[in-house]
N, C-alpha and C. Protein backbone atom coordinates (compact mmCIF):
# COMPACT_ATOMS: atom_id res chain seq x y z
N UNK A 1 -4.47 9.43 2.46
CA UNK A 1 -4.16 8.00 2.25
C UNK A 1 -3.04 7.96 1.29
N UNK A 2 -2.17 7.05 1.62
CA UNK A 2 -0.98 6.86 0.73
C UNK A 2 -1.29 5.55 -0.11
N UNK A 3 -1.07 5.60 -1.37
CA UNK A 3 -1.15 4.46 -2.26
C UNK A 3 0.20 4.37 -3.05
N UNK A 4 0.89 3.30 -2.84
CA UNK A 4 2.15 3.07 -3.56
C UNK A 4 1.90 1.86 -4.47
N UNK A 5 2.35 1.96 -5.69
CA UNK A 5 2.18 0.86 -6.67
C UNK A 5 3.45 0.69 -7.54
N UNK A 6 3.85 -0.52 -7.74
CA UNK A 6 4.99 -0.73 -8.65
C UNK A 6 4.73 -2.07 -9.38
N UNK A 7 5.33 -2.21 -10.55
CA UNK A 7 5.28 -3.46 -11.24
C UNK A 7 6.41 -4.37 -10.83
N UNK A 8 6.17 -5.62 -10.80
CA UNK A 8 7.23 -6.60 -10.31
C UNK A 8 7.05 -7.85 -11.26
N UNK A 9 8.05 -8.70 -11.24
CA UNK A 9 8.01 -9.99 -11.86
C UNK A 9 7.13 -10.93 -11.09
N UNK A 10 7.09 -10.75 -9.76
CA UNK A 10 6.33 -11.55 -8.87
C UNK A 10 7.16 -12.76 -8.40
N UNK A 11 6.93 -13.16 -7.17
CA UNK A 11 7.69 -14.39 -6.66
C UNK A 11 6.84 -14.99 -5.49
N UNK A 12 7.21 -16.23 -5.24
CA UNK A 12 6.56 -16.86 -4.07
C UNK A 12 7.03 -16.15 -2.75
N UNK A 13 8.28 -15.71 -2.78
CA UNK A 13 8.74 -15.09 -1.58
C UNK A 13 8.00 -13.80 -1.27
N UNK A 14 7.69 -12.98 -2.24
CA UNK A 14 6.90 -11.79 -1.95
C UNK A 14 5.45 -12.15 -1.57
N UNK A 15 4.89 -13.11 -2.15
CA UNK A 15 3.53 -13.65 -1.71
C UNK A 15 3.55 -14.16 -0.28
N UNK A 16 4.67 -14.84 0.11
CA UNK A 16 4.78 -15.27 1.48
C UNK A 16 4.90 -14.08 2.47
N UNK A 17 5.72 -13.10 2.07
CA UNK A 17 5.77 -11.92 2.94
C UNK A 17 4.40 -11.27 3.11
N UNK A 18 3.69 -11.11 1.98
CA UNK A 18 2.34 -10.50 2.07
C UNK A 18 1.45 -11.22 3.01
N UNK A 19 1.48 -12.56 2.95
CA UNK A 19 0.51 -13.39 3.70
C UNK A 19 0.99 -13.64 5.15
N UNK A 20 2.17 -13.15 5.51
CA UNK A 20 2.70 -13.42 6.83
C UNK A 20 2.57 -12.28 7.79
N UNK A 21 3.32 -11.20 7.57
CA UNK A 21 3.36 -10.09 8.46
C UNK A 21 3.55 -10.45 9.89
N UNK A 22 4.71 -11.20 10.11
CA UNK A 22 5.07 -11.68 11.44
C UNK A 22 3.91 -12.51 12.07
N UNK A 23 3.14 -13.15 11.25
CA UNK A 23 2.00 -13.95 11.76
C UNK A 23 0.71 -13.21 12.05
N UNK A 24 0.75 -11.94 11.65
CA UNK A 24 -0.49 -11.07 11.88
C UNK A 24 -1.29 -10.74 10.60
N UNK A 25 -0.84 -11.13 9.48
CA UNK A 25 -1.60 -10.78 8.23
C UNK A 25 -3.02 -11.37 8.25
N UNK A 26 -4.01 -10.66 7.70
CA UNK A 26 -5.35 -11.16 7.57
C UNK A 26 -5.74 -10.96 6.11
N UNK A 27 -6.07 -12.07 5.52
CA UNK A 27 -6.60 -11.96 4.16
C UNK A 27 -7.94 -11.21 4.13
N UNK A 28 -8.04 -10.26 3.19
CA UNK A 28 -9.35 -9.54 3.08
C UNK A 28 -10.02 -9.67 1.76
N UNK A 29 -9.37 -10.32 0.74
CA UNK A 29 -10.02 -10.56 -0.49
C UNK A 29 -9.15 -11.23 -1.51
N UNK A 30 -9.80 -11.92 -2.44
CA UNK A 30 -8.95 -12.54 -3.54
C UNK A 30 -9.93 -12.88 -4.67
N UNK A 31 -9.33 -13.09 -5.86
CA UNK A 31 -10.09 -13.54 -6.98
C UNK A 31 -9.18 -14.46 -7.87
N UNK A 32 -9.76 -15.56 -8.30
CA UNK A 32 -9.09 -16.44 -9.24
C UNK A 32 -8.02 -17.23 -8.61
N UNK A 33 -7.95 -17.37 -7.29
CA UNK A 33 -6.93 -18.15 -6.58
C UNK A 33 -7.59 -19.09 -5.57
N UNK A 34 -6.96 -20.30 -5.50
CA UNK A 34 -7.51 -21.21 -4.46
C UNK A 34 -6.36 -21.64 -3.57
N UNK A 35 -6.66 -22.19 -2.45
CA UNK A 35 -5.70 -22.76 -1.59
C UNK A 35 -5.23 -21.74 -0.46
N UNK A 36 -4.41 -22.29 0.42
CA UNK A 36 -3.96 -21.47 1.54
C UNK A 36 -2.55 -21.10 1.53
N UNK A 37 -1.79 -21.58 0.62
CA UNK A 37 -0.35 -21.44 0.55
C UNK A 37 0.10 -20.40 -0.47
N UNK A 38 0.93 -19.40 -0.01
CA UNK A 38 1.41 -18.40 -0.93
C UNK A 38 2.11 -18.92 -2.15
N UNK A 39 2.86 -19.99 -1.99
CA UNK A 39 3.53 -20.67 -3.11
C UNK A 39 2.51 -21.11 -4.16
N UNK A 40 1.38 -21.67 -3.73
CA UNK A 40 0.39 -22.08 -4.67
C UNK A 40 -0.23 -20.91 -5.42
N UNK A 41 -0.48 -19.76 -4.73
CA UNK A 41 -1.00 -18.58 -5.32
C UNK A 41 -0.07 -18.08 -6.39
N UNK A 42 1.23 -18.08 -6.07
CA UNK A 42 2.19 -17.61 -7.01
C UNK A 42 2.12 -18.54 -8.27
N UNK A 43 2.09 -19.86 -8.07
CA UNK A 43 2.14 -20.75 -9.24
C UNK A 43 0.85 -20.61 -10.04
N UNK A 44 -0.30 -20.43 -9.46
CA UNK A 44 -1.51 -20.14 -10.13
C UNK A 44 -1.46 -18.89 -11.00
N UNK A 45 -0.99 -17.82 -10.39
CA UNK A 45 -0.81 -16.64 -11.15
C UNK A 45 0.20 -16.81 -12.28
N UNK A 46 1.28 -17.46 -11.99
CA UNK A 46 2.28 -17.70 -13.04
C UNK A 46 1.69 -18.43 -14.22
N UNK A 47 0.84 -19.46 -13.91
CA UNK A 47 0.24 -20.23 -15.00
C UNK A 47 -0.53 -19.36 -15.97
N UNK A 48 -1.22 -18.38 -15.50
CA UNK A 48 -2.01 -17.50 -16.37
C UNK A 48 -1.00 -16.45 -17.01
N UNK A 49 -0.08 -15.91 -16.26
CA UNK A 49 0.84 -14.86 -16.72
C UNK A 49 1.75 -15.42 -17.84
N UNK A 50 2.21 -16.64 -17.75
CA UNK A 50 3.10 -17.18 -18.72
C UNK A 50 2.47 -17.28 -20.14
N UNK A 51 1.13 -17.19 -20.17
CA UNK A 51 0.44 -17.31 -21.49
C UNK A 51 0.59 -16.03 -22.26
N UNK A 52 1.11 -14.97 -21.66
CA UNK A 52 1.46 -13.71 -22.30
C UNK A 52 2.90 -13.65 -22.36
N UNK A 53 3.50 -13.73 -23.60
CA UNK A 53 5.00 -13.74 -23.74
C UNK A 53 5.50 -12.31 -23.97
N UNK A 54 4.72 -11.33 -24.04
CA UNK A 54 5.15 -10.00 -24.32
C UNK A 54 5.49 -9.14 -23.08
N UNK A 55 5.11 -9.65 -21.93
CA UNK A 55 5.25 -8.89 -20.66
C UNK A 55 6.26 -9.52 -19.80
N UNK A 56 7.13 -8.69 -19.12
CA UNK A 56 8.16 -9.26 -18.26
C UNK A 56 7.72 -9.01 -16.79
N UNK A 57 7.17 -7.91 -16.52
CA UNK A 57 6.72 -7.59 -15.17
C UNK A 57 5.24 -7.85 -15.05
N UNK A 58 4.87 -9.02 -14.53
CA UNK A 58 3.54 -9.57 -14.62
C UNK A 58 2.64 -9.00 -13.57
N UNK A 59 3.14 -8.42 -12.53
CA UNK A 59 2.26 -8.10 -11.35
C UNK A 59 2.41 -6.65 -10.86
N UNK A 60 1.31 -6.26 -10.25
CA UNK A 60 1.36 -5.05 -9.51
C UNK A 60 1.51 -5.33 -8.05
N UNK A 61 2.33 -4.60 -7.38
CA UNK A 61 2.43 -4.67 -5.93
C UNK A 61 1.93 -3.36 -5.40
N UNK A 62 0.93 -3.41 -4.57
CA UNK A 62 0.25 -2.13 -4.06
C UNK A 62 0.22 -2.14 -2.60
N UNK A 63 0.46 -0.98 -1.99
CA UNK A 63 0.35 -0.82 -0.55
C UNK A 63 -0.65 0.38 -0.45
N UNK A 64 -1.71 0.14 0.34
CA UNK A 64 -2.73 1.25 0.64
C UNK A 64 -2.64 1.43 2.11
N UNK A 65 -2.33 2.77 2.48
CA UNK A 65 -2.16 3.05 3.88
C UNK A 65 -2.98 4.32 4.26
N UNK A 66 -4.17 4.11 4.82
CA UNK A 66 -5.01 5.29 5.22
C UNK A 66 -4.34 5.90 6.47
N UNK A 67 -4.69 7.17 6.78
CA UNK A 67 -4.22 7.85 8.02
C UNK A 67 -4.60 6.96 9.19
N UNK A 68 -3.75 6.99 10.21
CA UNK A 68 -3.85 6.10 11.36
C UNK A 68 -5.27 6.27 11.99
N UNK A 69 -5.70 7.53 12.14
CA UNK A 69 -6.99 7.77 12.84
C UNK A 69 -8.15 7.14 12.13
N UNK A 70 -7.99 6.80 10.84
CA UNK A 70 -9.12 6.22 10.10
C UNK A 70 -8.82 4.63 9.98
N UNK A 71 -7.63 4.32 9.72
CA UNK A 71 -7.28 2.88 9.54
C UNK A 71 -7.56 2.00 10.72
N UNK A 72 -7.32 2.58 11.99
CA UNK A 72 -7.56 1.79 13.14
C UNK A 72 -9.03 1.34 13.35
N UNK A 73 -9.99 2.06 12.75
CA UNK A 73 -11.36 1.77 12.98
C UNK A 73 -12.00 1.01 11.80
N UNK A 74 -11.28 0.68 10.80
CA UNK A 74 -11.81 -0.07 9.64
C UNK A 74 -12.01 -1.49 9.91
N UNK A 75 -13.12 -2.05 9.42
CA UNK A 75 -13.39 -3.49 9.55
C UNK A 75 -12.77 -4.22 8.38
N UNK A 76 -12.69 -5.54 8.47
CA UNK A 76 -12.24 -6.35 7.34
C UNK A 76 -12.98 -6.07 6.17
N UNK A 77 -14.26 -5.87 6.17
CA UNK A 77 -15.08 -5.53 4.99
C UNK A 77 -14.62 -4.14 4.43
N UNK A 78 -14.37 -3.22 5.29
CA UNK A 78 -13.96 -1.92 4.83
C UNK A 78 -12.60 -1.97 4.07
N UNK A 79 -11.72 -2.80 4.58
CA UNK A 79 -10.44 -2.92 3.92
C UNK A 79 -10.60 -3.65 2.51
N UNK A 80 -11.49 -4.55 2.42
CA UNK A 80 -11.80 -5.16 1.17
C UNK A 80 -12.38 -4.13 0.13
N UNK A 81 -13.23 -3.29 0.69
CA UNK A 81 -13.78 -2.27 -0.13
C UNK A 81 -12.70 -1.26 -0.61
N UNK A 82 -11.76 -0.97 0.22
CA UNK A 82 -10.63 -0.10 -0.19
C UNK A 82 -9.88 -0.74 -1.32
N UNK A 83 -9.58 -2.00 -1.18
CA UNK A 83 -8.83 -2.73 -2.26
C UNK A 83 -9.61 -2.70 -3.57
N UNK A 84 -10.88 -3.06 -3.51
CA UNK A 84 -11.63 -2.99 -4.71
C UNK A 84 -11.84 -1.66 -5.35
N UNK A 85 -11.98 -0.63 -4.50
CA UNK A 85 -12.15 0.74 -4.90
C UNK A 85 -10.86 1.18 -5.66
N UNK A 86 -9.69 0.82 -5.06
CA UNK A 86 -8.48 1.15 -5.73
C UNK A 86 -8.39 0.52 -7.05
N UNK A 87 -8.64 -0.80 -7.17
CA UNK A 87 -8.51 -1.45 -8.45
C UNK A 87 -9.51 -0.89 -9.50
N UNK A 88 -10.65 -0.56 -9.14
CA UNK A 88 -11.59 -0.04 -10.03
C UNK A 88 -11.10 1.30 -10.54
N UNK A 89 -10.63 2.14 -9.61
CA UNK A 89 -10.10 3.48 -10.01
C UNK A 89 -8.81 3.35 -10.89
N UNK A 90 -8.10 2.25 -10.78
CA UNK A 90 -6.92 2.05 -11.56
C UNK A 90 -7.35 1.36 -12.95
N UNK A 91 -8.64 1.14 -13.13
CA UNK A 91 -9.21 0.65 -14.42
C UNK A 91 -9.07 -0.80 -14.49
N UNK A 92 -8.96 -1.55 -13.40
CA UNK A 92 -8.79 -2.97 -13.39
C UNK A 92 -10.16 -3.67 -13.26
N UNK A 93 -10.45 -4.51 -14.23
CA UNK A 93 -11.69 -5.36 -14.11
C UNK A 93 -11.47 -6.51 -13.07
N UNK A 94 -11.89 -6.22 -11.86
CA UNK A 94 -11.59 -7.16 -10.76
C UNK A 94 -12.09 -8.60 -10.95
N UNK A 95 -13.07 -8.77 -11.81
CA UNK A 95 -13.54 -10.12 -12.09
C UNK A 95 -12.69 -10.87 -13.12
N UNK A 96 -11.86 -10.14 -13.82
CA UNK A 96 -11.10 -10.73 -14.94
C UNK A 96 -9.60 -10.84 -14.58
N UNK A 97 -9.19 -10.49 -13.34
CA UNK A 97 -7.80 -10.60 -12.95
C UNK A 97 -7.66 -11.34 -11.62
N UNK A 98 -6.54 -12.08 -11.51
CA UNK A 98 -6.17 -12.72 -10.24
C UNK A 98 -5.63 -11.62 -9.34
N UNK A 99 -6.07 -11.66 -8.06
CA UNK A 99 -5.48 -10.82 -7.07
C UNK A 99 -5.69 -11.40 -5.73
N UNK A 100 -4.90 -10.89 -4.71
CA UNK A 100 -5.04 -11.30 -3.33
C UNK A 100 -4.65 -10.04 -2.45
N UNK A 101 -5.44 -9.84 -1.48
CA UNK A 101 -5.22 -8.69 -0.55
C UNK A 101 -5.04 -9.14 0.92
N UNK A 102 -4.09 -8.54 1.60
CA UNK A 102 -3.86 -8.90 2.98
C UNK A 102 -3.68 -7.58 3.80
N UNK A 103 -4.37 -7.52 4.94
CA UNK A 103 -4.16 -6.47 5.91
C UNK A 103 -2.93 -6.77 6.80
N UNK A 104 -2.03 -5.80 6.91
CA UNK A 104 -0.91 -5.87 7.83
C UNK A 104 -1.17 -4.96 9.01
N UNK A 105 -1.00 -5.52 10.19
CA UNK A 105 -1.16 -4.68 11.39
C UNK A 105 -0.15 -4.99 12.52
N UNK A 106 1.00 -5.43 12.12
CA UNK A 106 2.06 -5.71 13.06
C UNK A 106 2.77 -4.44 13.43
N UNK A 107 2.56 -3.32 12.71
CA UNK A 107 3.13 -2.00 13.01
C UNK A 107 2.03 -1.04 13.51
N UNK A 108 2.36 0.08 13.91
CA UNK A 108 1.37 1.07 14.44
C UNK A 108 0.37 1.47 13.34
N UNK A 109 0.80 1.47 12.12
CA UNK A 109 -0.11 1.97 11.01
C UNK A 109 -0.52 0.72 10.19
N UNK A 110 -1.86 0.44 10.30
CA UNK A 110 -2.43 -0.66 9.48
C UNK A 110 -2.37 -0.21 8.00
N UNK A 111 -2.09 -1.21 7.21
CA UNK A 111 -1.94 -1.05 5.76
C UNK A 111 -2.35 -2.32 5.04
N UNK A 112 -2.63 -2.08 3.74
CA UNK A 112 -3.09 -3.18 2.92
C UNK A 112 -2.06 -3.55 1.87
N UNK A 113 -1.77 -4.81 1.65
CA UNK A 113 -0.97 -5.23 0.55
C UNK A 113 -1.80 -5.99 -0.41
N UNK A 114 -1.60 -5.56 -1.69
CA UNK A 114 -2.36 -6.20 -2.81
C UNK A 114 -1.33 -6.75 -3.81
N UNK A 115 -1.56 -7.93 -4.26
CA UNK A 115 -0.81 -8.46 -5.47
C UNK A 115 -1.81 -8.71 -6.49
N UNK A 116 -1.66 -8.07 -7.59
CA UNK A 116 -2.55 -8.15 -8.73
C UNK A 116 -1.82 -8.58 -10.00
N UNK A 117 -2.33 -9.61 -10.67
CA UNK A 117 -1.78 -10.02 -11.94
C UNK A 117 -2.18 -9.01 -13.03
N UNK A 118 -1.21 -8.56 -13.82
CA UNK A 118 -1.58 -7.61 -14.90
C UNK A 118 -2.17 -8.39 -16.03
N UNK A 119 -1.92 -9.69 -16.11
CA UNK A 119 -2.43 -10.50 -17.15
C UNK A 119 -3.83 -10.99 -16.86
N UNK A 120 -4.86 -10.62 -17.69
CA UNK A 120 -6.21 -11.10 -17.41
C UNK A 120 -6.48 -12.50 -17.90
N UNK A 121 -7.66 -12.98 -17.66
CA UNK A 121 -7.96 -14.41 -18.01
C UNK A 121 -8.05 -14.65 -19.50
N UNK A 122 -7.94 -13.58 -20.33
CA UNK A 122 -7.87 -13.79 -21.77
C UNK A 122 -6.44 -13.74 -22.26
N UNK A 123 -5.47 -13.68 -21.30
CA UNK A 123 -4.03 -13.67 -21.64
C UNK A 123 -3.52 -12.26 -22.04
N UNK A 124 -4.37 -11.27 -21.90
CA UNK A 124 -3.98 -9.88 -22.33
C UNK A 124 -3.40 -9.19 -21.08
N UNK A 125 -2.35 -8.38 -21.37
CA UNK A 125 -1.83 -7.49 -20.36
C UNK A 125 -2.72 -6.26 -20.37
N UNK A 126 -3.70 -6.39 -19.46
CA UNK A 126 -4.76 -5.31 -19.38
C UNK A 126 -4.49 -4.13 -18.40
N UNK A 127 -3.29 -4.04 -17.84
CA UNK A 127 -3.01 -3.00 -16.99
C UNK A 127 -1.78 -2.30 -17.45
N UNK A 128 -1.94 -1.05 -17.88
CA UNK A 128 -0.87 -0.23 -18.38
C UNK A 128 -0.12 0.34 -17.16
N UNK A 129 1.22 0.09 -17.12
CA UNK A 129 2.04 0.43 -15.99
C UNK A 129 2.77 1.78 -16.22
N UNK A 130 2.42 2.48 -17.32
CA UNK A 130 3.10 3.79 -17.55
C UNK A 130 2.67 4.77 -16.48
N UNK A 131 3.71 5.31 -15.73
CA UNK A 131 3.50 6.28 -14.63
C UNK A 131 2.53 5.63 -13.51
N UNK A 132 2.71 4.43 -13.26
CA UNK A 132 1.83 3.72 -12.36
C UNK A 132 1.93 4.29 -10.92
N UNK A 133 3.12 4.65 -10.52
CA UNK A 133 3.30 5.22 -9.23
C UNK A 133 2.52 6.62 -9.04
N UNK A 134 2.64 7.41 -10.08
CA UNK A 134 2.01 8.77 -10.09
C UNK A 134 0.47 8.52 -10.03
N UNK A 135 -0.01 7.62 -10.89
CA UNK A 135 -1.41 7.33 -10.90
C UNK A 135 -1.93 6.82 -9.59
N UNK A 136 -1.14 6.02 -8.91
CA UNK A 136 -1.57 5.46 -7.60
C UNK A 136 -1.67 6.64 -6.57
N UNK A 137 -0.75 7.53 -6.57
CA UNK A 137 -0.78 8.63 -5.69
C UNK A 137 -2.03 9.50 -5.87
N UNK A 138 -2.43 9.70 -7.10
CA UNK A 138 -3.64 10.50 -7.45
C UNK A 138 -4.90 9.71 -7.02
N UNK A 139 -4.80 8.36 -7.13
CA UNK A 139 -5.99 7.60 -6.74
C UNK A 139 -6.14 7.73 -5.23
N UNK A 140 -5.01 7.65 -4.51
CA UNK A 140 -5.03 7.71 -3.05
C UNK A 140 -5.66 9.02 -2.61
N UNK A 141 -5.25 10.13 -3.27
CA UNK A 141 -5.75 11.45 -2.95
C UNK A 141 -7.34 11.46 -3.19
N UNK A 142 -7.80 10.93 -4.37
CA UNK A 142 -9.17 10.90 -4.68
C UNK A 142 -10.00 10.05 -3.67
N UNK A 143 -9.44 8.87 -3.34
CA UNK A 143 -10.10 8.02 -2.32
C UNK A 143 -10.22 8.67 -0.95
N UNK A 144 -9.20 9.41 -0.59
CA UNK A 144 -9.26 10.15 0.71
C UNK A 144 -10.35 11.21 0.71
N UNK A 145 -10.37 12.01 -0.37
CA UNK A 145 -11.38 13.03 -0.51
C UNK A 145 -12.81 12.44 -0.54
N UNK A 146 -13.00 11.33 -1.20
CA UNK A 146 -14.28 10.76 -1.26
C UNK A 146 -14.77 10.26 0.18
N UNK A 147 -13.84 9.97 0.99
CA UNK A 147 -14.21 9.48 2.36
C UNK A 147 -14.07 10.58 3.43
N UNK A 148 -13.81 11.75 2.95
CA UNK A 148 -13.60 12.88 3.89
C UNK A 148 -12.46 12.65 4.84
N UNK A 149 -11.38 12.01 4.38
CA UNK A 149 -10.20 11.80 5.15
C UNK A 149 -9.17 12.81 4.74
N UNK A 150 -8.20 13.07 5.64
CA UNK A 150 -7.06 13.91 5.28
C UNK A 150 -6.27 13.26 4.17
N UNK A 151 -5.84 14.00 3.27
CA UNK A 151 -4.92 13.51 2.14
C UNK A 151 -3.54 13.41 2.65
N UNK A 152 -2.70 12.71 1.92
CA UNK A 152 -1.32 12.55 2.30
C UNK A 152 -0.61 13.89 2.29
N UNK A 153 -1.03 14.79 1.32
CA UNK A 153 -0.44 16.12 1.33
C UNK A 153 -0.78 16.94 2.62
N UNK A 154 -2.05 16.86 3.00
CA UNK A 154 -2.48 17.54 4.17
C UNK A 154 -1.76 17.07 5.40
N UNK A 155 -1.68 15.79 5.53
CA UNK A 155 -0.98 15.17 6.64
C UNK A 155 0.56 15.61 6.68
N UNK A 156 1.15 15.59 5.53
CA UNK A 156 2.57 16.01 5.43
C UNK A 156 2.69 17.46 5.85
N UNK A 157 1.76 18.36 5.42
CA UNK A 157 1.88 19.74 5.82
C UNK A 157 1.73 19.88 7.37
N UNK A 158 0.80 19.17 7.90
CA UNK A 158 0.61 19.21 9.40
C UNK A 158 1.87 18.75 10.09
N UNK A 159 2.50 17.71 9.60
CA UNK A 159 3.76 17.19 10.20
C UNK A 159 4.87 18.24 10.11
N UNK A 160 5.01 18.82 9.03
CA UNK A 160 5.98 19.89 8.76
C UNK A 160 5.83 21.04 9.79
N UNK A 161 4.53 21.51 9.89
CA UNK A 161 4.31 22.54 10.85
C UNK A 161 4.66 22.11 12.26
N UNK A 162 4.30 20.91 12.68
CA UNK A 162 4.60 20.36 13.97
C UNK A 162 6.11 20.32 14.22
N UNK A 163 6.86 19.78 13.21
CA UNK A 163 8.31 19.72 13.34
C UNK A 163 8.95 21.10 13.48
N UNK A 164 8.51 21.99 12.64
CA UNK A 164 9.02 23.40 12.70
C UNK A 164 8.77 24.01 14.04
N UNK A 165 7.60 23.81 14.59
CA UNK A 165 7.26 24.46 15.85
C UNK A 165 8.09 23.81 16.97
N UNK A 166 8.34 22.57 16.91
CA UNK A 166 9.17 21.85 17.95
C UNK A 166 10.56 22.41 17.84
N UNK A 167 11.12 22.43 16.63
CA UNK A 167 12.53 22.97 16.53
C UNK A 167 12.62 24.41 16.99
N UNK A 168 11.66 25.29 16.58
CA UNK A 168 11.70 26.62 17.05
C UNK A 168 11.62 26.77 18.51
N UNK A 169 10.76 26.01 19.12
CA UNK A 169 10.59 26.05 20.58
C UNK A 169 11.86 25.62 21.32
N UNK A 170 12.44 24.52 20.86
CA UNK A 170 13.70 24.08 21.52
C UNK A 170 14.84 25.03 21.23
N UNK A 171 14.86 25.63 20.12
CA UNK A 171 15.91 26.64 19.83
C UNK A 171 15.79 27.79 20.76
N UNK A 172 14.60 28.33 20.96
CA UNK A 172 14.42 29.38 21.92
C UNK A 172 14.78 29.03 23.35
N UNK A 173 14.53 27.77 23.75
CA UNK A 173 14.79 27.33 25.09
C UNK A 173 16.16 26.76 25.35
N UNK A 174 17.02 26.82 24.40
CA UNK A 174 18.44 26.27 24.55
C UNK A 174 19.41 27.36 24.56
N UNK A 175 20.47 27.14 25.35
CA UNK A 175 21.53 28.18 25.52
C UNK A 175 22.69 27.98 24.62
N UNK A 176 22.84 26.79 24.07
CA UNK A 176 23.89 26.53 23.14
C UNK A 176 23.50 25.31 22.19
N UNK A 177 24.35 25.11 21.16
CA UNK A 177 23.97 24.11 20.18
C UNK A 177 23.98 22.66 20.77
N UNK A 178 24.89 22.39 21.66
CA UNK A 178 24.93 21.05 22.27
C UNK A 178 23.62 20.82 23.05
N UNK A 179 23.14 21.74 23.79
CA UNK A 179 21.90 21.57 24.55
C UNK A 179 20.70 21.37 23.60
N UNK A 180 20.68 22.15 22.48
CA UNK A 180 19.63 22.04 21.50
C UNK A 180 19.66 20.58 20.86
N UNK A 181 20.90 20.19 20.49
CA UNK A 181 21.02 18.81 19.91
C UNK A 181 20.51 17.76 20.80
N UNK A 182 20.76 17.85 22.16
CA UNK A 182 20.37 16.86 23.09
C UNK A 182 18.84 16.86 23.27
N UNK A 183 18.23 18.05 23.32
CA UNK A 183 16.81 18.18 23.44
C UNK A 183 16.10 17.64 22.26
N UNK A 184 16.59 17.89 21.07
CA UNK A 184 15.98 17.42 19.84
C UNK A 184 16.16 15.90 19.72
N UNK A 185 17.25 15.34 20.13
CA UNK A 185 17.52 13.95 20.19
C UNK A 185 16.48 13.20 21.02
N UNK A 186 16.21 13.74 22.20
CA UNK A 186 15.22 13.17 23.08
C UNK A 186 13.88 13.15 22.46
N UNK A 187 13.60 14.04 21.57
CA UNK A 187 12.27 14.04 20.89
C UNK A 187 12.28 13.28 19.56
N UNK A 188 13.40 12.55 19.33
CA UNK A 188 13.46 11.65 18.17
C UNK A 188 14.11 12.23 16.92
N UNK A 189 14.61 13.39 17.03
CA UNK A 189 15.38 14.00 15.92
C UNK A 189 16.79 13.45 15.87
N UNK A 190 17.35 13.30 14.68
CA UNK A 190 18.71 12.90 14.54
C UNK A 190 19.59 14.00 14.04
């Protein structure tokens, strides 16, 4: 599973993107937010966030992407569990932070978008963003292992082996470089 996390200032535009996904986004969870409009969620978060004057990047933007063979069979409830599991492993008190999670499935790989306010309901910046991307990767590995899913590293190794095998096979079956280039292009190589 891949988990990507970054800190952002937050905007209604990013909230709108998360809630849209070409009309296919499905909300799977939220806390501390009301209404149906992304602009309203942004303003509600901003109201809490502006009470903390020491922080500039108020939000976490998170993408959780399980391997396709697992993601395709997950229910809405499973996706919500993934979001909450990620937040808990990141040390986030989910009852004390505003967040909203949407499932995107307009592409081949289903994935989850989370927007989480770093400012809790007591006005404290309660989420340390030091090395947040590295922490997210480790959390993704841990969550995969707990679910007996292939990790991102394992999937990457499998892909490398497959790519190498394809290139070697086409190299053996080609008589010149131009023929090799054409065969590899047909298989999606550039």
